[in-house]
Amino acid sequence: MPKSPTIMDDPALTVNDRNKLNQLHPIVADKIARLIIQARKEKLNVGIFNALRSFDAQKTEYAKGRDDAGRIIDKEAVVTYSRPGYSLHQYGLACDIVFKTINSQWTWDDRYNWKRLGEIGESFGLTWGGRWTTPKDLPHFQYSKGIATVEVALALYNKSGLPAVWKLVV
């Protein structure tokens, strides 16, 4: 019997999208896929820049713009304020969606319609980092219903791994 099509089979999703979506919790992946499909219907040229991020990758990102003690020494170089374990990216519950130029280069330029992208994400039940005041994170979308705090996710992850964290997500 043939497999029934799912949102992941939508032709609006690229191979890169599918690969990154497969790193995420299934509920999060579904919401992000719907966000991307709707954004593209509205002619917003976006893609998944980052999804699941390892603890080592988070450490590398956190170090940008900081000295060895973690103090900010170059604010322009800072890309995250979350130490390893304190970003929902480490748990497959967050995704960075970024605009692409006509040459298919990633861009974080303010000229693009981040507000509309955020509204689309929120319409699918995602939390949009563009609503945060400090730090504002326009590309960031996350979903953590069922996870009380990132500290809970970290403790569960340390004790029983990613499957234990994912069991809580509803």
C-alpha atoms as a PDB file:
ATOM      1  CA  MET A   1       0.000   0.000   0.000  1.00  0.00           C
ATOM      2  CA  PRO A   2       1.475   3.419  -0.922  1.00  0.00           C
ATOM      3  CA  LYS A   3       2.430   5.830   1.816  1.00  0.00           C
ATOM      4  CA  SER A   4       0.015   8.720   2.354  1.00  0.00           C
ATOM      5  CA  PRO A   5       1.565  12.106   1.563  1.00  0.00           C
ATOM      6  CA  THR A   6       2.535  14.281   4.507  1.00  0.00           C
ATOM      7  CA  ILE A   7       3.473  17.923   4.877  1.00  0.00           C
ATOM      8  CA  MET A   8       7.092  16.838   4.375  1.00  0.00           C
ATOM      9  CA  ASP A   9       6.209  15.770   0.830  1.00  0.00           C
ATOM     10  CA  ASP A  10       5.103  19.275  -0.145  1.00  0.00           C
ATOM     11  CA  PRO A  11       7.039  20.343  -3.257  1.00  0.00           C
ATOM     12  CA  ALA A  12       7.651  23.785  -1.725  1.00  0.00           C
ATOM     13  CA  LEU A  13      10.154  22.139   0.638  1.00  0.00           C
ATOM     14  CA  THR A  14      13.721  21.734  -0.618  1.00  0.00           C
ATOM     15  CA  VAL A  15      16.096  18.885   0.161  1.00  0.00           C
ATOM     16  CA  ASN A  16      17.879  21.216   2.633  1.00  0.00           C
ATOM     17  CA  ASP A  17      14.538  21.980   4.305  1.00  0.00           C
ATOM     18  CA  ARG A  18      13.695  18.293   4.651  1.00  0.00           C
ATOM     19  CA  ASN A  19      17.146  17.412   5.993  1.00  0.00           C
ATOM     20  CA  LYS A  20      16.951  20.141   8.640  1.00  0.00           C
ATOM     21  CA  LEU A  21      13.311  19.381   9.477  1.00  0.00           C
ATOM     22  CA  ASN A  22      14.213  15.748  10.098  1.00  0.00           C
ATOM     23  CA  GLN A  23      16.518  16.935  12.920  1.00  0.00           C
ATOM     24  CA  LEU A  24      13.610  18.494  14.795  1.00  0.00           C
ATOM     25  CA  HIS A  25      10.958  17.075  17.090  1.00  0.00           C
ATOM     26  CA  PRO A  26       8.100  15.953  14.789  1.00  0.00           C
ATOM     27  CA  ILE A  27       5.640  18.528  16.166  1.00  0.00           C
ATOM     28  CA  VAL A  28       8.183  21.312  15.674  1.00  0.00           C
ATOM     29  CA  ALA A  29       9.111  20.025  12.218  1.00  0.00           C
ATOM     30  CA  ASP A  30       5.463  20.096  11.155  1.00  0.00           C
ATOM     31  CA  LYS A  31       5.003  23.679  12.346  1.00  0.00           C
ATOM     32  CA  ILE A  32       8.248  24.877  10.732  1.00  0.00           C
ATOM     33  CA  ALA A  33       7.362  23.126   7.453  1.00  0.00           C
ATOM     34  CA  ARG A  34       3.980  24.876   7.414  1.00  0.00           C
ATOM     35  CA  LEU A  35       5.690  28.198   8.134  1.00  0.00           C
ATOM     36  CA  ILE A  36       8.112  27.771   5.231  1.00  0.00           C
ATOM     37  CA  ILE A  37       5.403  26.640   2.814  1.00  0.00           C
ATOM     38  CA  GLN A  38       3.150  29.585   3.691  1.00  0.00           C
ATOM     39  CA  ALA A  39       6.037  32.064   3.548  1.00  0.00           C
ATOM     40  CA  ARG A  40       6.970  30.842   0.081  1.00  0.00           C
ATOM     41  CA  LYS A  41       3.329  31.100  -1.029  1.00  0.00           C
ATOM     42  CA  GLU A  42       3.572  34.743   0.006  1.00  0.00           C
ATOM     43  CA  LYS A  43       6.775  35.130  -2.044  1.00  0.00           C
ATOM     44  CA  LEU A  44       9.044  35.318   1.015  1.00  0.00           C
ATOM     45  CA  ASN A  45      12.242  33.601  -0.093  1.00  0.00           C
ATOM     46  CA  VAL A  46      13.314  31.841   3.109  1.00  0.00           C
ATOM     47  CA  GLY A  47      15.099  28.706   4.168  1.00  0.00           C
ATOM     48  CA  ILE A  48      16.236  26.888   7.281  1.00  0.00           C
ATOM     49  CA  PHE A  49      19.636  28.200   8.260  1.00  0.00           C
ATOM     50  CA  ASN A  50      19.986  26.244  11.482  1.00  0.00           C
ATOM     51  CA  ALA A  51      17.907  23.617  13.273  1.00  0.00           C
ATOM     52  CA  LEU A  52      19.292  21.092  15.755  1.00  0.00           C
ATOM     53  CA  ARG A  53      22.601  22.384  17.090  1.00  0.00           C
ATOM     54  CA  SER A  54      25.002  20.194  19.039  1.00  0.00           C
ATOM     55  CA  PHE A  55      26.320  21.308  22.398  1.00  0.00           C
ATOM     56  CA  ASP A  56      29.772  21.757  20.820  1.00  0.00           C
ATOM     57  CA  ALA A  57      28.323  23.886  18.023  1.00  0.00           C
ATOM     58  CA  GLN A  58      26.468  25.991  20.608  1.00  0.00           C
ATOM     59  CA  LYS A  59      29.738  26.449  22.511  1.00  0.00           C
ATOM     60  CA  THR A  60      31.410  27.669  19.311  1.00  0.00           C
ATOM     61  CA  GLU A  61      28.544  30.055  18.537  1.00  0.00           C
ATOM     62  CA  TYR A  62      28.484  31.347  22.128  1.00  0.00           C
ATOM     63  CA  ALA A  63      32.233  32.065  22.020  1.00  0.00           C
ATOM     64  CA  LYS A  64      31.894  34.456  19.084  1.00  0.00           C
ATOM     65  CA  GLY A  65      32.536  37.994  20.281  1.00  0.00           C
ATOM     66  CA  ARG A  66      33.578  36.861  23.772  1.00  0.00           C
ATOM     67  CA  ASP A  67      36.842  36.376  25.616  1.00  0.00           C
ATOM     68  CA  ASP A  68      37.794  33.085  27.334  1.00  0.00           C
ATOM     69  CA  ALA A  69      35.837  34.085  30.447  1.00  0.00           C
ATOM     70  CA  GLY A  70      32.663  34.610  28.382  1.00  0.00           C
ATOM     71  CA  ARG A  71      32.694  38.402  28.617  1.00  0.00           C
ATOM     72  CA  ILE A  72      31.512  40.234  25.522  1.00  0.00           C
ATOM     73  CA  ILE A  73      34.411  41.985  23.837  1.00  0.00           C
ATOM     74  CA  ASP A  74      32.855  42.559  20.396  1.00  0.00           C
ATOM     75  CA  LYS A  75      29.073  43.033  20.505  1.00  0.00           C
ATOM     76  CA  GLU A  76      28.844  42.964  16.687  1.00  0.00           C
ATOM     77  CA  ALA A  77      30.356  39.457  16.609  1.00  0.00           C
ATOM     78  CA  VAL A  78      27.955  37.976  19.196  1.00  0.00           C
ATOM     79  CA  VAL A  79      25.500  35.544  17.585  1.00  0.00           C
ATOM     80  CA  THR A  80      23.870  34.007  20.666  1.00  0.00           C
ATOM     81  CA  TYR A  81      23.363  34.776  24.319  1.00  0.00           C
ATOM     82  CA  SER A  82      22.628  31.145  25.223  1.00  0.00           C
ATOM     83  CA  ARG A  83      25.353  28.999  26.734  1.00  0.00           C
ATOM     84  CA  PRO A  84      25.479  25.337  25.678  1.00  0.00           C
ATOM     85  CA  GLY A  85      22.446  23.528  27.055  1.00  0.00           C
ATOM     86  CA  TYR A  86      20.399  26.702  27.393  1.00  0.00           C
ATOM     87  CA  SER A  87      19.139  26.997  23.836  1.00  0.00           C
ATOM     88  CA  LEU A  88      16.195  25.009  22.555  1.00  0.00           C
ATOM     89  CA  HIS A  89      18.282  24.370  19.432  1.00  0.00           C
ATOM     90  CA  GLN A  90      20.124  21.662  21.393  1.00  0.00           C
ATOM     91  CA  TYR A  91      16.859  19.799  21.863  1.00  0.00           C
ATOM     92  CA  GLY A  92      15.452  19.985  18.337  1.00  0.00           C
ATOM     93  CA  LEU A  93      12.819  22.475  19.468  1.00  0.00           C
ATOM     94  CA  ALA A  94      14.119  25.601  17.705  1.00  0.00           C
ATOM     95  CA  CYS A  95      14.964  26.655  14.201  1.00  0.00           C
ATOM     96  CA  ASP A  96      16.475  29.717  12.536  1.00  0.00           C
ATOM     97  CA  ILE A  97      14.738  30.710   9.324  1.00  0.00           C
ATOM     98  CA  VAL A  98      16.595  33.228   7.208  1.00  0.00           C
ATOM     99  CA  PHE A  99      15.848  35.114   4.007  1.00  0.00           C
ATOM    100  CA  LYS A 100      17.750  34.394   0.812  1.00  0.00           C
ATOM    101  CA  THR A 101      18.801  36.965  -1.756  1.00  0.00           C
ATOM    102  CA  ILE A 102      18.104  36.531  -5.472  1.00  0.00           C
ATOM    103  CA  ASN A 103      21.583  34.947  -5.632  1.00  0.00           C
ATOM    104  CA  SER A 104      20.536  32.408  -2.954  1.00  0.00           C
ATOM    105  CA  GLN A 105      22.827  33.928  -0.313  1.00  0.00           C
ATOM    106  CA  TRP A 106      21.623  33.960   3.302  1.00  0.00           C
ATOM    107  CA  THR A 107      20.750  37.426   4.555  1.00  0.00           C
ATOM    108  CA  TRP A 108      19.685  38.930   7.857  1.00  0.00           C
ATOM    109  CA  ASP A 109      19.072  42.321   6.236  1.00  0.00           C
ATOM    110  CA  ASP A 110      16.383  44.497   7.831  1.00  0.00           C
ATOM    111  CA  ARG A 111      14.926  45.278   4.402  1.00  0.00           C
ATOM    112  CA  TYR A 112      13.231  41.887   4.322  1.00  0.00           C
ATOM    113  CA  ASN A 113       9.761  41.318   5.780  1.00  0.00           C
ATOM    114  CA  TRP A 114      10.706  39.766   9.113  1.00  0.00           C
ATOM    115  CA  LYS A 115       7.464  40.996  10.682  1.00  0.00           C
ATOM    116  CA  ARG A 116       5.345  39.010   8.241  1.00  0.00           C
ATOM    117  CA  LEU A 117       7.568  35.944   8.625  1.00  0.00           C
ATOM    118  CA  GLY A 118       7.119  36.179  12.396  1.00  0.00           C
ATOM    119  CA  GLU A 119       3.348  36.523  12.056  1.00  0.00           C
ATOM    120  CA  ILE A 120       3.194  33.416   9.883  1.00  0.00           C
ATOM    121  CA  GLY A 121       5.244  31.436  12.415  1.00  0.00           C
ATOM    122  CA  GLU A 122       3.065  32.598  15.279  1.00  0.00           C
ATOM    123  CA  SER A 123      -0.061  31.567  13.346  1.00  0.00           C
ATOM    124  CA  PHE A 124       1.239  27.975  13.571  1.00  0.00           C
ATOM    125  CA  GLY A 125       1.803  28.172  17.333  1.00  0.00           C
ATOM    126  CA  LEU A 126       5.514  28.963  17.244  1.00  0.00           C
ATOM    127  CA  THR A 127       7.216  31.482  19.495  1.00  0.00           C
ATOM    128  CA  TRP A 128       9.053  34.079  17.412  1.00  0.00           C
ATOM    129  CA  GLY A 129      12.304  35.593  18.698  1.00  0.00           C
ATOM    130  CA  GLY A 130      11.446  38.850  16.917  1.00  0.00           C
ATOM    131  CA  ARG A 131       8.990  39.617  19.736  1.00  0.00           C
ATOM    132  CA  TRP A 132      11.697  39.388  22.363  1.00  0.00           C
ATOM    133  CA  THR A 133      13.124  42.638  23.643  1.00  0.00           C
ATOM    134  CA  THR A 134      16.543  41.394  24.770  1.00  0.00           C
ATOM    135  CA  PRO A 135      17.936  39.993  22.670  1.00  0.00           C
ATOM    136  CA  LYS A 136      15.672  40.325  19.645  1.00  0.00           C
ATOM    137  CA  ASP A 137      16.268  37.274  17.432  1.00  0.00           C
ATOM    138  CA  LEU A 138      14.417  37.744  14.130  1.00  0.00           C
ATOM    139  CA  PRO A 139      15.246  34.362  12.517  1.00  0.00           C
ATOM    140  CA  HIS A 140      14.482  32.299  15.637  1.00  0.00           C
ATOM    141  CA  PHE A 141      11.339  30.187  15.982  1.00  0.00           C
ATOM    142  CA  GLN A 142      10.737  27.690  18.757  1.00  0.00           C
ATOM    143  CA  TYR A 143       8.101  25.446  20.245  1.00  0.00           C
ATOM    144  CA  SER A 144       8.370  24.026  23.735  1.00  0.00           C
ATOM    145  CA  LYS A 145       4.839  23.278  24.923  1.00  0.00           C
ATOM    146  CA  GLY A 146       5.232  20.671  27.655  1.00  0.00           C
ATOM    147  CA  ILE A 147       8.749  21.777  28.625  1.00  0.00           C
ATOM    148  CA  ALA A 148       8.502  24.006  31.706  1.00  0.00           C
ATOM    149  CA  THR A 149      11.975  25.554  31.345  1.00  0.00           C
ATOM    150  CA  VAL A 150      15.176  25.022  29.407  1.00  0.00           C
ATOM    151  CA  GLU A 151      16.712  23.872  32.711  1.00  0.00           C
ATOM    152  CA  VAL A 152      14.177  21.010  32.785  1.00  0.00           C
ATOM    153  CA  ALA A 153      15.188  20.068  29.238  1.00  0.00           C
ATOM    154  CA  LEU A 154      18.888  20.170  30.162  1.00  0.00           C
ATOM    155  CA  ALA A 155      18.398  18.000  33.267  1.00  0.00           C
ATOM    156  CA  LEU A 156      16.374  15.435  31.312  1.00  0.00           C
ATOM    157  CA  TYR A 157      18.884  15.452  28.471  1.00  0.00           C
ATOM    158  CA  ASN A 158      21.791  14.893  30.870  1.00  0.00           C
ATOM    159  CA  LYS A 159      19.958  12.040  32.592  1.00  0.00           C
ATOM    160  CA  SER A 160      18.288  10.227  29.689  1.00  0.00           C
ATOM    161  CA  GLY A 161      19.109  11.938  26.398  1.00  0.00           C
ATOM    162  CA  LEU A 162      17.051  13.607  23.721  1.00  0.00           C
ATOM    163  CA  PRO A 163      14.200  11.036  23.670  1.00  0.00           C
ATOM    164  CA  ALA A 164      13.369  11.937  27.281  1.00  0.00           C
ATOM    165  CA  VAL A 165      13.091  15.616  26.371  1.00  0.00           C
ATOM    166  CA  TRP A 166      10.976  14.862  23.313  1.00  0.00           C
ATOM    167  CA  LYS A 167       8.502  12.763  25.353  1.00  0.00           C
ATOM    168  CA  LEU A 168       7.424  15.911  27.195  1.00  0.00           C
ATOM    169  CA  VAL A 169       6.617  17.954  24.084  1.00  0.00           C
ATOM    170  CA  VAL A 170       2.898  18.141  23.311  1.00  0.00           C
END
